[in-house]
Amino acid sequence: VLSVFYTIFTPLLNPLIYTLRNQEVKTAVMKKLSRQYLYHGTT
């Protein structure tokens, strides 16, 4: 269980923790995703 945790779950949770608890990263990620959405959604 611990082997699964530090090889699979920890690398997965790191970006979630940093984006959810860090407003600057969260805002920058949302802006990047919205720009990509607008870019692909614009014809």
PDB file of all heavy atoms in Angstrom:
ATOM      1  N   VAL A   1       0.837  -1.204   0.000  1.00  0.00           N
ATOM      2  CA  VAL A   1       0.000   0.000   0.000  1.00  0.00           C
ATOM      3  C   VAL A   1       0.866   1.245   0.000  1.00  0.00           C
ATOM      4  O   VAL A   1       0.620   2.201  -0.752  1.00  0.00           O
ATOM      5  CB  VAL A   1      -0.944   0.005   1.219  1.00  0.00           C
ATOM      6  CG1 VAL A   1      -1.776   1.280   1.249  1.00  0.00           C
ATOM      7  CG2 VAL A   1      -1.842  -1.223   1.200  1.00  0.00           C
ATOM      8  N   LEU A   2       1.908   1.250   0.826  1.00  0.00           N
ATOM      9  CA  LEU A   2       2.793   2.406   0.897  1.00  0.00           C
ATOM     10  C   LEU A   2       3.575   2.586  -0.404  1.00  0.00           C
ATOM     11  O   LEU A   2       3.836   3.714  -0.823  1.00  0.00           O
ATOM     12  CB  LEU A   2       3.758   2.249   2.077  1.00  0.00           C
ATOM     13  CG  LEU A   2       3.113   2.291   3.467  1.00  0.00           C
ATOM     14  CD1 LEU A   2       4.159   2.037   4.554  1.00  0.00           C
ATOM     15  CD2 LEU A   2       2.428   3.628   3.706  1.00  0.00           C
ATOM     16  N   SER A   3       3.953   1.461  -1.037  1.00  0.00           N
ATOM     17  CA  SER A   3       4.654   1.556  -2.321  1.00  0.00           C
ATOM     18  C   SER A   3       3.759   2.197  -3.372  1.00  0.00           C
ATOM     19  O   SER A   3       4.213   3.030  -4.173  1.00  0.00           O
ATOM     20  CB  SER A   3       5.096   0.171  -2.781  1.00  0.00           C
ATOM     21  OG  SER A   3       6.042  -0.383  -1.899  1.00  0.00           O
ATOM     22  N   VAL A   4       2.484   1.809  -3.390  1.00  0.00           N
ATOM     23  CA  VAL A   4       1.528   2.435  -4.306  1.00  0.00           C
ATOM     24  C   VAL A   4       1.396   3.918  -3.987  1.00  0.00           C
ATOM     25  O   VAL A   4       1.309   4.767  -4.880  1.00  0.00           O
ATOM     26  CB  VAL A   4       0.152   1.740  -4.209  1.00  0.00           C
ATOM     27  CG1 VAL A   4      -0.909   2.529  -4.961  1.00  0.00           C
ATOM     28  CG2 VAL A   4       0.237   0.324  -4.756  1.00  0.00           C
ATOM     29  N   PHE A   5       1.430   4.231  -2.681  1.00  0.00           N
ATOM     30  CA  PHE A   5       1.198   5.614  -2.260  1.00  0.00           C
ATOM     31  C   PHE A   5       2.282   6.548  -2.771  1.00  0.00           C
ATOM     32  O   PHE A   5       1.990   7.586  -3.370  1.00  0.00           O
ATOM     33  CB  PHE A   5       1.120   5.676  -0.727  1.00  0.00           C
ATOM     34  CG  PHE A   5       0.427   6.897  -0.213  1.00  0.00           C
ATOM     35  CD1 PHE A   5      -0.953   6.914  -0.075  1.00  0.00           C
ATOM     36  CD2 PHE A   5       1.137   8.031   0.106  1.00  0.00           C
ATOM     37  CE1 PHE A   5      -1.607   8.046   0.380  1.00  0.00           C
ATOM     38  CE2 PHE A   5       0.500   9.169   0.567  1.00  0.00           C
ATOM     39  CZ  PHE A   5      -0.878   9.179   0.709  1.00  0.00           C
ATOM     40  N   TYR A   6       3.570   6.180  -2.556  1.00  0.00           N
ATOM     41  CA  TYR A   6       4.607   7.149  -2.919  1.00  0.00           C
ATOM     42  C   TYR A   6       5.041   7.054  -4.385  1.00  0.00           C
ATOM     43  O   TYR A   6       5.753   7.931  -4.867  1.00  0.00           O
ATOM     44  CB  TYR A   6       5.820   7.066  -1.981  1.00  0.00           C
ATOM     45  CG  TYR A   6       6.786   5.933  -2.187  1.00  0.00           C
ATOM     46  CD1 TYR A   6       7.815   6.014  -3.110  1.00  0.00           C
ATOM     47  CD2 TYR A   6       6.709   4.777  -1.413  1.00  0.00           C
ATOM     48  CE1 TYR A   6       8.716   4.984  -3.284  1.00  0.00           C
ATOM     49  CE2 TYR A   6       7.604   3.742  -1.576  1.00  0.00           C
ATOM     50  CZ  TYR A   6       8.610   3.859  -2.513  1.00  0.00           C
ATOM     51  OH  TYR A   6       9.491   2.831  -2.679  1.00  0.00           O
ATOM     52  N   THR A   7       4.596   6.016  -5.109  1.00  0.00           N
ATOM     53  CA  THR A   7       4.909   5.954  -6.543  1.00  0.00           C
ATOM     54  C   THR A   7       3.745   6.402  -7.423  1.00  0.00           C
ATOM     55  O   THR A   7       3.958   6.773  -8.580  1.00  0.00           O
ATOM     56  CB  THR A   7       5.297   4.527  -6.961  1.00  0.00           C
ATOM     57  OG1 THR A   7       4.238   3.620  -6.633  1.00  0.00           O
ATOM     58  CG2 THR A   7       6.575   4.094  -6.264  1.00  0.00           C
ATOM     59  N   ILE A   8       2.517   6.377  -6.895  1.00  0.00           N
ATOM     60  CA  ILE A   8       1.349   6.724  -7.700  1.00  0.00           C
ATOM     61  C   ILE A   8       0.563   7.890  -7.101  1.00  0.00           C
ATOM     62  O   ILE A   8       0.312   8.897  -7.768  1.00  0.00           O
ATOM     63  CB  ILE A   8       0.425   5.502  -7.874  1.00  0.00           C
ATOM     64  CG1 ILE A   8       1.153   4.383  -8.631  1.00  0.00           C
ATOM     65  CG2 ILE A   8      -0.858   5.888  -8.608  1.00  0.00           C
ATOM     66  CD1 ILE A   8       0.377   3.107  -8.759  1.00  0.00           C
ATOM     67  N   PHE A   9       0.176   7.772  -5.821  1.00  0.00           N
ATOM     68  CA  PHE A   9      -0.707   8.775  -5.242  1.00  0.00           C
ATOM     69  C   PHE A   9       0.000  10.102  -4.953  1.00  0.00           C
ATOM     70  O   PHE A   9      -0.563  11.169  -5.212  1.00  0.00           O
ATOM     71  CB  PHE A   9      -1.350   8.238  -3.964  1.00  0.00           C
ATOM     72  CG  PHE A   9      -2.409   7.214  -4.211  1.00  0.00           C
ATOM     73  CD1 PHE A   9      -2.279   5.929  -3.737  1.00  0.00           C
ATOM     74  CD2 PHE A   9      -3.547   7.531  -4.941  1.00  0.00           C
ATOM     75  CE1 PHE A   9      -3.247   4.974  -3.976  1.00  0.00           C
ATOM     76  CE2 PHE A   9      -4.522   6.589  -5.192  1.00  0.00           C
ATOM     77  CZ  PHE A   9      -4.375   5.301  -4.700  1.00  0.00           C
ATOM     78  N   THR A  10       1.227  10.044  -4.417  1.00  0.00           N
ATOM     79  CA  THR A  10       1.928  11.292  -4.108  1.00  0.00           C
ATOM     80  C   THR A  10       2.184  12.140  -5.353  1.00  0.00           C
ATOM     81  O   THR A  10       1.907  13.342  -5.340  1.00  0.00           O
ATOM     82  CB  THR A  10       3.249  10.999  -3.369  1.00  0.00           C
ATOM     83  OG1 THR A  10       2.961  10.300  -2.156  1.00  0.00           O
ATOM     84  CG2 THR A  10       3.981  12.288  -3.039  1.00  0.00           C
ATOM     85  N   PRO A  11       2.696  11.575  -6.463  1.00  0.00           N
ATOM     86  CA  PRO A  11       2.844  12.400  -7.682  1.00  0.00           C
ATOM     87  C   PRO A  11       1.515  12.929  -8.207  1.00  0.00           C
ATOM     88  O   PRO A  11       1.484  13.982  -8.854  1.00  0.00           O
ATOM     89  CB  PRO A  11       3.479  11.431  -8.690  1.00  0.00           C
ATOM     90  CG  PRO A  11       4.179  10.422  -7.857  1.00  0.00           C
ATOM     91  CD  PRO A  11       3.304  10.240  -6.653  1.00  0.00           C
ATOM     92  N   LEU A  12       0.405  12.216  -7.930  1.00  0.00           N
ATOM     93  CA  LEU A  12      -0.909  12.691  -8.354  1.00  0.00           C
ATOM     94  C   LEU A  12      -1.406  13.828  -7.472  1.00  0.00           C
ATOM     95  O   LEU A  12      -1.972  14.819  -7.960  1.00  0.00           O
ATOM     96  CB  LEU A  12      -1.920  11.534  -8.325  1.00  0.00           C
ATOM     97  CG  LEU A  12      -3.396  11.906  -8.499  1.00  0.00           C
ATOM     98  CD1 LEU A  12      -3.642  12.459  -9.899  1.00  0.00           C
ATOM     99  CD2 LEU A  12      -4.282  10.695  -8.241  1.00  0.00           C
ATOM    100  N   LEU A  13      -1.182  13.704  -6.165  1.00  0.00           N
ATOM    101  CA  LEU A  13      -1.711  14.684  -5.221  1.00  0.00           C
ATOM    102  C   LEU A  13      -0.907  15.977  -5.200  1.00  0.00           C
ATOM    103  O   LEU A  13      -1.448  17.031  -4.853  1.00  0.00           O
ATOM    104  CB  LEU A  13      -1.753  14.077  -3.811  1.00  0.00           C
ATOM    105  CG  LEU A  13      -2.741  12.924  -3.620  1.00  0.00           C
ATOM    106  CD1 LEU A  13      -2.609  12.345  -2.218  1.00  0.00           C
ATOM    107  CD2 LEU A  13      -4.176  13.399  -3.853  1.00  0.00           C
ATOM    108  N   ASN A  14       0.370  15.926  -5.553  1.00  0.00           N
ATOM    109  CA  ASN A  14       1.196  17.134  -5.529  1.00  0.00           C
ATOM    110  C   ASN A  14       0.599  18.281  -6.341  1.00  0.00           C
ATOM    111  O   ASN A  14       0.441  19.391  -5.828  1.00  0.00           O
ATOM    112  CB  ASN A  14       2.615  16.820  -6.008  1.00  0.00           C
ATOM    113  CG  ASN A  14       3.463  16.199  -4.915  1.00  0.00           C
ATOM    114  OD1 ASN A  14       3.024  16.062  -3.782  1.00  0.00           O
ATOM    115  ND2 ASN A  14       4.672  15.821  -5.249  1.00  0.00           N
ATOM    116  N   PRO A  15       0.257  18.072  -7.623  1.00  0.00           N
ATOM    117  CA  PRO A  15      -0.329  19.191  -8.376  1.00  0.00           C
ATOM    118  C   PRO A  15      -1.674  19.640  -7.814  1.00  0.00           C
ATOM    119  O   PRO A  15      -1.992  20.833  -7.848  1.00  0.00           O
ATOM    120  CB  PRO A  15      -0.475  18.637  -9.798  1.00  0.00           C
ATOM    121  CG  PRO A  15      -0.456  17.158  -9.651  1.00  0.00           C
ATOM    122  CD  PRO A  15       0.422  16.876  -8.474  1.00  0.00           C
ATOM    123  N   LEU A  16      -2.474  18.692  -7.292  1.00  0.00           N
ATOM    124  CA  LEU A  16      -3.762  19.064  -6.709  1.00  0.00           C
ATOM    125  C   LEU A  16      -3.574  19.938  -5.478  1.00  0.00           C
ATOM    126  O   LEU A  16      -4.266  20.947  -5.303  1.00  0.00           O
ATOM    127  CB  LEU A  16      -4.557  17.803  -6.347  1.00  0.00           C
ATOM    128  CG  LEU A  16      -4.972  16.897  -7.500  1.00  0.00           C
ATOM    129  CD1 LEU A  16      -5.705  15.671  -6.982  1.00  0.00           C
ATOM    130  CD2 LEU A  16      -5.849  17.658  -8.479  1.00  0.00           C
ATOM    131  N   ILE A  17      -2.621  19.573  -4.621  1.00  0.00           N
ATOM    132  CA  ILE A  17      -2.370  20.341  -3.407  1.00  0.00           C
ATOM    133  C   ILE A  17      -1.885  21.739  -3.739  1.00  0.00           C
ATOM    134  O   ILE A  17      -2.361  22.741  -3.197  1.00  0.00           O
ATOM    135  CB  ILE A  17      -1.356  19.605  -2.509  1.00  0.00           C
ATOM    136  CG1 ILE A  17      -1.993  18.356  -1.902  1.00  0.00           C
ATOM    137  CG2 ILE A  17      -0.845  20.525  -1.398  1.00  0.00           C
ATOM    138  CD1 ILE A  17      -1.016  17.482  -1.162  1.00  0.00           C
ATOM    139  N   TYR A  18      -0.943  21.836  -4.661  1.00  0.00           N
ATOM    140  CA  TYR A  18      -0.374  23.140  -4.982  1.00  0.00           C
ATOM    141  C   TYR A  18      -1.365  24.035  -5.719  1.00  0.00           C
ATOM    142  O   TYR A  18      -1.378  25.247  -5.525  1.00  0.00           O
ATOM    143  CB  TYR A  18       0.902  22.976  -5.798  1.00  0.00           C
ATOM    144  CG  TYR A  18       2.103  22.651  -4.946  1.00  0.00           C
ATOM    145  CD1 TYR A  18       2.672  21.384  -4.967  1.00  0.00           C
ATOM    146  CD2 TYR A  18       2.651  23.601  -4.100  1.00  0.00           C
ATOM    147  CE1 TYR A  18       3.756  21.077  -4.172  1.00  0.00           C
ATOM    148  CE2 TYR A  18       3.742  23.308  -3.300  1.00  0.00           C
ATOM    149  CZ  TYR A  18       4.290  22.043  -3.344  1.00  0.00           C
ATOM    150  OH  TYR A  18       5.354  21.746  -2.550  1.00  0.00           O
ATOM    151  N   THR A  19      -2.197  23.464  -6.569  1.00  0.00           N
ATOM    152  CA  THR A  19      -3.154  24.294  -7.304  1.00  0.00           C
ATOM    153  C   THR A  19      -4.340  24.688  -6.431  1.00  0.00           C
ATOM    154  O   THR A  19      -4.870  25.790  -6.563  1.00  0.00           O
ATOM    155  CB  THR A  19      -3.667  23.565  -8.558  1.00  0.00           C
ATOM    156  OG1 THR A  19      -4.166  22.275  -8.187  1.00  0.00           O
ATOM    157  CG2 THR A  19      -2.573  23.405  -9.573  1.00  0.00           C
ATOM    158  N   LEU A  20      -4.753  23.804  -5.522  1.00  0.00           N
ATOM    159  CA  LEU A  20      -5.904  24.103  -4.685  1.00  0.00           C
ATOM    160  C   LEU A  20      -5.553  25.037  -3.525  1.00  0.00           C
ATOM    161  O   LEU A  20      -6.390  25.804  -3.070  1.00  0.00           O
ATOM    162  CB  LEU A  20      -6.513  22.805  -4.135  1.00  0.00           C
ATOM    163  CG  LEU A  20      -7.190  21.894  -5.165  1.00  0.00           C
ATOM    164  CD1 LEU A  20      -7.687  20.625  -4.503  1.00  0.00           C
ATOM    165  CD2 LEU A  20      -8.347  22.624  -5.843  1.00  0.00           C
ATOM    166  N   ARG A  21      -4.317  24.983  -3.037  1.00  0.00           N
ATOM    167  CA  ARG A  21      -3.938  25.780  -1.877  1.00  0.00           C
ATOM    168  C   ARG A  21      -3.077  26.989  -2.242  1.00  0.00           C
ATOM    169  O   ARG A  21      -2.747  27.777  -1.369  1.00  0.00           O
ATOM    170  CB  ARG A  21      -3.185  24.909  -0.855  1.00  0.00           C
ATOM    171  CG  ARG A  21      -4.030  23.788  -0.269  1.00  0.00           C
ATOM    172  CD  ARG A  21      -3.326  23.188   0.926  1.00  0.00           C
ATOM    173  NE  ARG A  21      -3.115  24.167   1.964  1.00  0.00           N
ATOM    174  CZ  ARG A  21      -3.987  24.470   2.915  1.00  0.00           C
ATOM    175  NH1 ARG A  21      -5.167  23.882   2.923  1.00  0.00           N
ATOM    176  NH2 ARG A  21      -3.699  25.356   3.835  1.00  0.00           N
ATOM    177  N   ASN A  22      -2.731  27.143  -3.497  1.00  0.00           N
ATOM    178  CA  ASN A  22      -1.928  28.282  -3.930  1.00  0.00           C
ATOM    179  C   ASN A  22      -2.734  29.090  -4.941  1.00  0.00           C
ATOM    180  O   ASN A  22      -2.968  28.646  -6.062  1.00  0.00           O
ATOM    181  CB  ASN A  22      -0.610  27.799  -4.542  1.00  0.00           C
ATOM    182  CG  ASN A  22       0.356  28.927  -4.792  1.00  0.00           C
ATOM    183  OD1 ASN A  22       0.065  29.841  -5.543  1.00  0.00           O
ATOM    184  ND2 ASN A  22       1.516  28.870  -4.157  1.00  0.00           N
ATOM    185  N   GLN A  23      -3.154  30.283  -4.520  1.00  0.00           N
ATOM    186  CA  GLN A  23      -4.045  31.082  -5.348  1.00  0.00           C
ATOM    187  C   GLN A  23      -3.382  31.526  -6.641  1.00  0.00           C
ATOM    188  O   GLN A  23      -4.025  31.563  -7.706  1.00  0.00           O
ATOM    189  CB  GLN A  23      -4.511  32.309  -4.556  1.00  0.00           C
ATOM    190  CG  GLN A  23      -5.622  33.095  -5.249  1.00  0.00           C
ATOM    191  CD  GLN A  23      -6.875  32.268  -5.454  1.00  0.00           C
ATOM    192  OE1 GLN A  23      -7.278  31.501  -4.586  1.00  0.00           O
ATOM    193  NE2 GLN A  23      -7.491  32.408  -6.624  1.00  0.00           N
ATOM    194  N   GLU A  24      -2.095  31.863  -6.597  1.00  0.00           N
ATOM    195  CA  GLU A  24      -1.395  32.325  -7.798  1.00  0.00           C
ATOM    196  C   GLU A  24      -1.348  31.232  -8.861  1.00  0.00           C
ATOM    197  O   GLU A  24      -1.627  31.475 -10.037  1.00  0.00           O
ATOM    198  CB  GLU A  24       0.018  32.791  -7.445  1.00  0.00           C
ATOM    199  CG  GLU A  24       0.092  34.167  -6.826  1.00  0.00           C
ATOM    200  CD  GLU A  24       1.521  34.618  -6.629  1.00  0.00           C
ATOM    201  OE1 GLU A  24       2.259  33.934  -5.896  1.00  0.00           O
ATOM    202  OE2 GLU A  24       1.909  35.645  -7.194  1.00  0.00           O
ATOM    203  N   VAL A  25      -0.970  30.018  -8.433  1.00  0.00           N
ATOM    204  CA  VAL A  25      -0.907  28.904  -9.390  1.00  0.00           C
ATOM    205  C   VAL A  25      -2.300  28.569  -9.901  1.00  0.00           C
ATOM    206  O   VAL A  25      -2.495  28.334 -11.099  1.00  0.00           O
ATOM    207  CB  VAL A  25      -0.255  27.672  -8.729  1.00  0.00           C
ATOM    208  CG1 VAL A  25      -0.267  26.486  -9.686  1.00  0.00           C
ATOM    209  CG2 VAL A  25       1.168  27.981  -8.308  1.00  0.00           C
ATOM    210  N   LYS A  26      -3.268  28.549  -9.004  1.00  0.00           N
ATOM    211  CA  LYS A  26      -4.640  28.214  -9.403  1.00  0.00           C
ATOM    212  C   LYS A  26      -5.170  29.217 -10.418  1.00  0.00           C
ATOM    213  O   LYS A  26      -5.774  28.838 -11.430  1.00  0.00           O
ATOM    214  CB  LYS A  26      -5.543  28.167  -8.174  1.00  0.00           C
ATOM    215  CG  LYS A  26      -6.973  27.759  -8.465  1.00  0.00           C
ATOM    216  CD  LYS A  26      -7.705  27.328  -7.201  1.00  0.00           C
ATOM    217  CE  LYS A  26      -7.742  28.424  -6.174  1.00  0.00           C
ATOM    218  NZ  LYS A  26      -8.557  28.041  -5.009  1.00  0.00           N
ATOM    219  N   THR A  27      -4.937  30.509 -10.173  1.00  0.00           N
ATOM    220  CA  THR A  27      -5.394  31.542 -11.097  1.00  0.00           C
ATOM    221  C   THR A  27      -4.701  31.423 -12.449  1.00  0.00           C
ATOM    222  O   THR A  27      -5.338  31.534 -13.510  1.00  0.00           O
ATOM    223  CB  THR A  27      -5.130  32.940 -10.504  1.00  0.00           C
ATOM    224  OG1 THR A  27      -5.781  33.047  -9.240  1.00  0.00           O
ATOM    225  CG2 THR A  27      -5.627  34.030 -11.436  1.00  0.00           C
ATOM    226  N   ALA A  28      -3.379  31.193 -12.426  1.00  0.00           N
ATOM    227  CA  ALA A  28      -2.624  31.069 -13.676  1.00  0.00           C
ATOM    228  C   ALA A  28      -3.077  29.847 -14.470  1.00  0.00           C
ATOM    229  O   ALA A  28      -3.196  29.900 -15.705  1.00  0.00           O
ATOM    230  CB  ALA A  28      -1.126  30.980 -13.374  1.00  0.00           C
ATOM    231  N   VAL A  29      -3.337  28.728 -13.780  1.00  0.00           N
ATOM    232  CA  VAL A  29      -3.808  27.517 -14.463  1.00  0.00           C
ATOM    233  C   VAL A  29      -5.173  27.756 -15.094  1.00  0.00           C
ATOM    234  O   VAL A  29      -5.422  27.358 -16.247  1.00  0.00           O
ATOM    235  CB  VAL A  29      -3.856  26.332 -13.478  1.00  0.00           C
ATOM    236  CG1 VAL A  29      -4.618  25.152 -14.091  1.00  0.00           C
ATOM    237  CG2 VAL A  29      -2.460  25.889 -13.098  1.00  0.00           C
ATOM    238  N   MET A  30      -6.081  28.399 -14.350  1.00  0.00           N
ATOM    239  CA  MET A  30      -7.422  28.651 -14.876  1.00  0.00           C
ATOM    240  C   MET A  30      -7.366  29.591 -16.083  1.00  0.00           C
ATOM    241  O   MET A  30      -8.093  29.394 -17.065  1.00  0.00           O
ATOM    242  CB  MET A  30      -8.300  29.265 -13.781  1.00  0.00           C
ATOM    243  CG  MET A  30      -8.609  28.314 -12.632  1.00  0.00           C
ATOM    244  SD  MET A  30      -9.369  26.763 -13.173  1.00  0.00           S
ATOM    245  CE  MET A  30     -10.916  27.377 -13.833  1.00  0.00           C
ATOM    246  N   LYS A  31      -6.490  30.601 -16.029  1.00  0.00           N
ATOM    247  CA  LYS A  31      -6.347  31.506 -17.173  1.00  0.00           C
ATOM    248  C   LYS A  31      -5.818  30.767 -18.396  1.00  0.00           C
ATOM    249  O   LYS A  31      -6.280  30.981 -19.520  1.00  0.00           O
ATOM    250  CB  LYS A  31      -5.411  32.658 -16.814  1.00  0.00           C
ATOM    251  CG  LYS A  31      -6.039  33.715 -15.911  1.00  0.00           C
ATOM    252  CD  LYS A  31      -5.063  34.849 -15.660  1.00  0.00           C
ATOM    253  CE  LYS A  31      -5.708  35.933 -14.796  1.00  0.00           C
ATOM    254  NZ  LYS A  31      -4.779  37.048 -14.520  1.00  0.00           N
ATOM    255  N   LYS A  32      -4.842  29.879 -18.157  1.00  0.00           N
ATOM    256  CA  LYS A  32      -4.266  29.134 -19.277  1.00  0.00           C
ATOM    257  C   LYS A  32      -5.302  28.204 -19.899  1.00  0.00           C
ATOM    258  O   LYS A  32      -5.415  28.108 -21.131  1.00  0.00           O
ATOM    259  CB  LYS A  32      -3.049  28.325 -18.809  1.00  0.00           C
ATOM    260  CG  LYS A  32      -2.298  27.643 -19.950  1.00  0.00           C
ATOM    261  CD  LYS A  32      -0.994  27.055 -19.458  1.00  0.00           C
ATOM    262  CE  LYS A  32      -0.206  26.468 -20.620  1.00  0.00           C
ATOM    263  NZ  LYS A  32       0.186  27.499 -21.597  1.00  0.00           N
ATOM    264  N   LEU A  33      -6.092  27.544 -19.048  1.00  0.00           N
ATOM    265  CA  LEU A  33      -7.121  26.642 -19.558  1.00  0.00           C
ATOM    266  C   LEU A  33      -8.211  27.416 -20.295  1.00  0.00           C
ATOM    267  O   LEU A  33      -8.711  26.967 -21.331  1.00  0.00           O
ATOM    268  CB  LEU A  33      -7.726  25.841 -18.399  1.00  0.00           C
ATOM    269  CG  LEU A  33      -6.819  24.784 -17.764  1.00  0.00           C
ATOM    270  CD1 LEU A  33      -7.512  24.135 -16.580  1.00  0.00           C
ATOM    271  CD2 LEU A  33      -6.416  23.729 -18.777  1.00  0.00           C
ATOM    272  N   SER A  34      -8.594  28.587 -19.754  1.00  0.00           N
ATOM    273  CA  SER A  34      -9.635  29.384 -20.413  1.00  0.00           C
ATOM    274  C   SER A  34      -9.152  29.916 -21.753  1.00  0.00           C
ATOM    275  O   SER A  34      -9.913  29.962 -22.725  1.00  0.00           O
ATOM    276  CB  SER A  34     -10.064  30.536 -19.502  1.00  0.00           C
ATOM    277  OG  SER A  34      -8.979  31.423 -19.254  1.00  0.00           O
ATOM    278  N   ARG A  35      -7.868  30.311 -21.832  1.00  0.00           N
ATOM    279  CA  ARG A  35      -7.329  30.783 -23.104  1.00  0.00           C
ATOM    280  C   ARG A  35      -7.312  29.666 -24.140  1.00  0.00           C
ATOM    281  O   ARG A  35      -7.621  29.875 -25.307  1.00  0.00           O
ATOM    282  CB  ARG A  35      -5.915  31.351 -22.905  1.00  0.00           C
ATOM    283  CG  ARG A  35      -5.895  32.739 -22.306  1.00  0.00           C
ATOM    284  CD  ARG A  35      -4.546  33.410 -22.563  1.00  0.00           C
ATOM    285  NE  ARG A  35      -3.449  32.649 -22.009  1.00  0.00           N
ATOM    286  CZ  ARG A  35      -2.927  32.875 -20.813  1.00  0.00           C
ATOM    287  NH1 ARG A  35      -3.419  33.842 -20.044  1.00  0.00           N
ATOM    288  NH2 ARG A  35      -1.916  32.149 -20.378  1.00  0.00           N
ATOM    289  N   GLN A  36      -6.924  28.455 -23.687  1.00  0.00           N
ATOM    290  CA  GLN A  36      -6.916  27.319 -24.604  1.00  0.00           C
ATOM    291  C   GLN A  36      -8.325  26.996 -25.087  1.00  0.00           C
ATOM    292  O   GLN A  36      -8.556  26.673 -26.251  1.00  0.00           O
ATOM    293  CB  GLN A  36      -6.299  26.088 -23.921  1.00  0.00           C
ATOM    294  CG  GLN A  36      -4.806  26.210 -23.660  1.00  0.00           C
ATOM    295  CD  GLN A  36      -4.009  26.256 -24.946  1.00  0.00           C
ATOM    296  OE1 GLN A  36      -4.319  25.600 -25.914  1.00  0.00           O
ATOM    297  NE2 GLN A  36      -2.950  27.068 -24.954  1.00  0.00           N
ATOM    298  N   TYR A  37      -9.294  27.114 -24.170  1.00  0.00           N
ATOM    299  CA  TYR A  37     -10.687  26.824 -24.532  1.00  0.00           C
ATOM    300  C   TYR A  37     -11.202  27.839 -25.539  1.00  0.00           C
ATOM    301  O   TYR A  37     -11.856  27.492 -26.539  1.00  0.00           O
ATOM    302  CB  TYR A  37     -11.558  26.833 -23.280  1.00  0.00           C
ATOM    303  CG  TYR A  37     -13.029  26.677 -23.564  1.00  0.00           C
ATOM    304  CD1 TYR A  37     -13.580  25.435 -23.874  1.00  0.00           C
ATOM    305  CD2 TYR A  37     -13.883  27.787 -23.523  1.00  0.00           C
ATOM    306  CE1 TYR A  37     -14.926  25.291 -24.147  1.00  0.00           C
ATOM    307  CE2 TYR A  37     -15.234  27.657 -23.793  1.00  0.00           C
ATOM    308  CZ  TYR A  37     -15.745  26.408 -24.100  1.00  0.00           C
ATOM    309  OH  TYR A  37     -17.086  26.273 -24.371  1.00  0.00           O
ATOM    310  N   LEU A  38     -10.903  29.136 -25.275  1.00  0.00           N
ATOM    311  CA  LEU A  38     -11.348  30.179 -26.192  1.00  0.00           C
ATOM    312  C   LEU A  38     -10.673  30.048 -27.553  1.00  0.00           C
ATOM    313  O   LEU A  38     -11.268  30.276 -28.593  1.00  0.00           O
ATOM    314  CB  LEU A  38     -11.070  31.566 -25.584  1.00  0.00           C
ATOM    315  CG  LEU A  38     -11.922  31.944 -24.373  1.00  0.00           C
ATOM    316  CD1 LEU A  38     -11.450  33.268 -23.790  1.00  0.00           C
ATOM    317  CD2 LEU A  38     -13.402  32.031 -24.754  1.00  0.00           C
ATOM    318  N   TYR A  39      -9.377  29.656 -27.527  1.00  0.00           N
ATOM    319  CA  TYR A  39      -8.624  29.514 -28.777  1.00  0.00           C
ATOM    320  C   TYR A  39      -9.221  28.419 -29.651  1.00  0.00           C
ATOM    321  O   TYR A  39      -9.418  28.592 -30.847  1.00  0.00           O
ATOM    322  CB  TYR A  39      -7.152  29.211 -28.475  1.00  0.00           C
ATOM    323  CG  TYR A  39      -6.328  28.921 -29.696  1.00  0.00           C
ATOM    324  CD1 TYR A  39      -5.876  29.956 -30.515  1.00  0.00           C
ATOM    325  CD2 TYR A  39      -5.998  27.607 -30.049  1.00  0.00           C
ATOM    326  CE1 TYR A  39      -5.126  29.697 -31.650  1.00  0.00           C
ATOM    327  CE2 TYR A  39      -5.249  27.332 -31.172  1.00  0.00           C
ATOM    328  CZ  TYR A  39      -4.815  28.385 -31.966  1.00  0.00           C
ATOM    329  OH  TYR A  39      -4.079  28.120 -33.088  1.00  0.00           O
ATOM    330  N   HIS A  40      -9.508  27.269 -29.013  1.00  0.00           N
ATOM    331  CA  HIS A  40     -10.047  26.151 -29.791  1.00  0.00           C
ATOM    332  C   HIS A  40     -11.529  26.334 -30.083  1.00  0.00           C
ATOM    333  O   HIS A  40     -12.063  25.723 -31.009  1.00  0.00           O
ATOM    334  CB  HIS A  40      -9.830  24.833 -29.042  1.00  0.00           C
ATOM    335  CG  HIS A  40      -8.395  24.425 -28.982  1.00  0.00           C
ATOM    336  ND1 HIS A  40      -7.686  24.024 -30.086  1.00  0.00           N
ATOM    337  CD2 HIS A  40      -7.522  24.368 -27.941  1.00  0.00           C
ATOM    338  CE1 HIS A  40      -6.444  23.735 -29.749  1.00  0.00           C
ATOM    339  NE2 HIS A  40      -6.321  23.947 -28.452  1.00  0.00           N
ATOM    340  N   GLY A  41     -12.203  27.147 -29.246  1.00  0.00           N
ATOM    341  CA  GLY A  41     -13.638  27.333 -29.458  1.00  0.00           C
ATOM    342  C   GLY A  41     -13.952  28.414 -30.460  1.00  0.00           C
ATOM    343  O   GLY A  41     -15.085  28.513 -30.944  1.00  0.00           O
ATOM    344  N   THR A  42     -12.958  29.247 -30.788  1.00  0.00           N
ATOM    345  CA  THR A  42     -13.185  30.328 -31.744  1.00  0.00           C
ATOM    346  C   THR A  42     -12.986  29.818 -33.161  1.00  0.00           C
ATOM    347  O   THR A  42     -11.966  29.213 -33.466  1.00  0.00           O
ATOM    348  CB  THR A  42     -12.223  31.498 -31.480  1.00  0.00           C
ATOM    349  OG1 THR A  42     -12.395  31.923 -30.134  1.00  0.00           O
ATOM    350  CG2 THR A  42     -12.512  32.652 -32.423  1.00  0.00           C
ATOM    351  N   THR A  43     -13.943  30.049 -34.025  1.00  0.00           N
ATOM    352  CA  THR A  43     -13.829  29.615 -35.417  1.00  0.00           C
ATOM    353  C   THR A  43     -13.513  30.811 -36.291  1.00  0.00           C
ATOM    354  O   THR A  43     -14.072  31.894 -36.121  1.00  0.00           O
ATOM    355  CB  THR A  43     -15.136  28.963 -35.896  1.00  0.00           C
ATOM    356  OG1 THR A  43     -16.198  29.901 -35.734  1.00  0.00           O
ATOM    357  CG2 THR A  43     -15.416  27.703 -35.092  1.00  0.00           C
TER     358      THR A  43
END
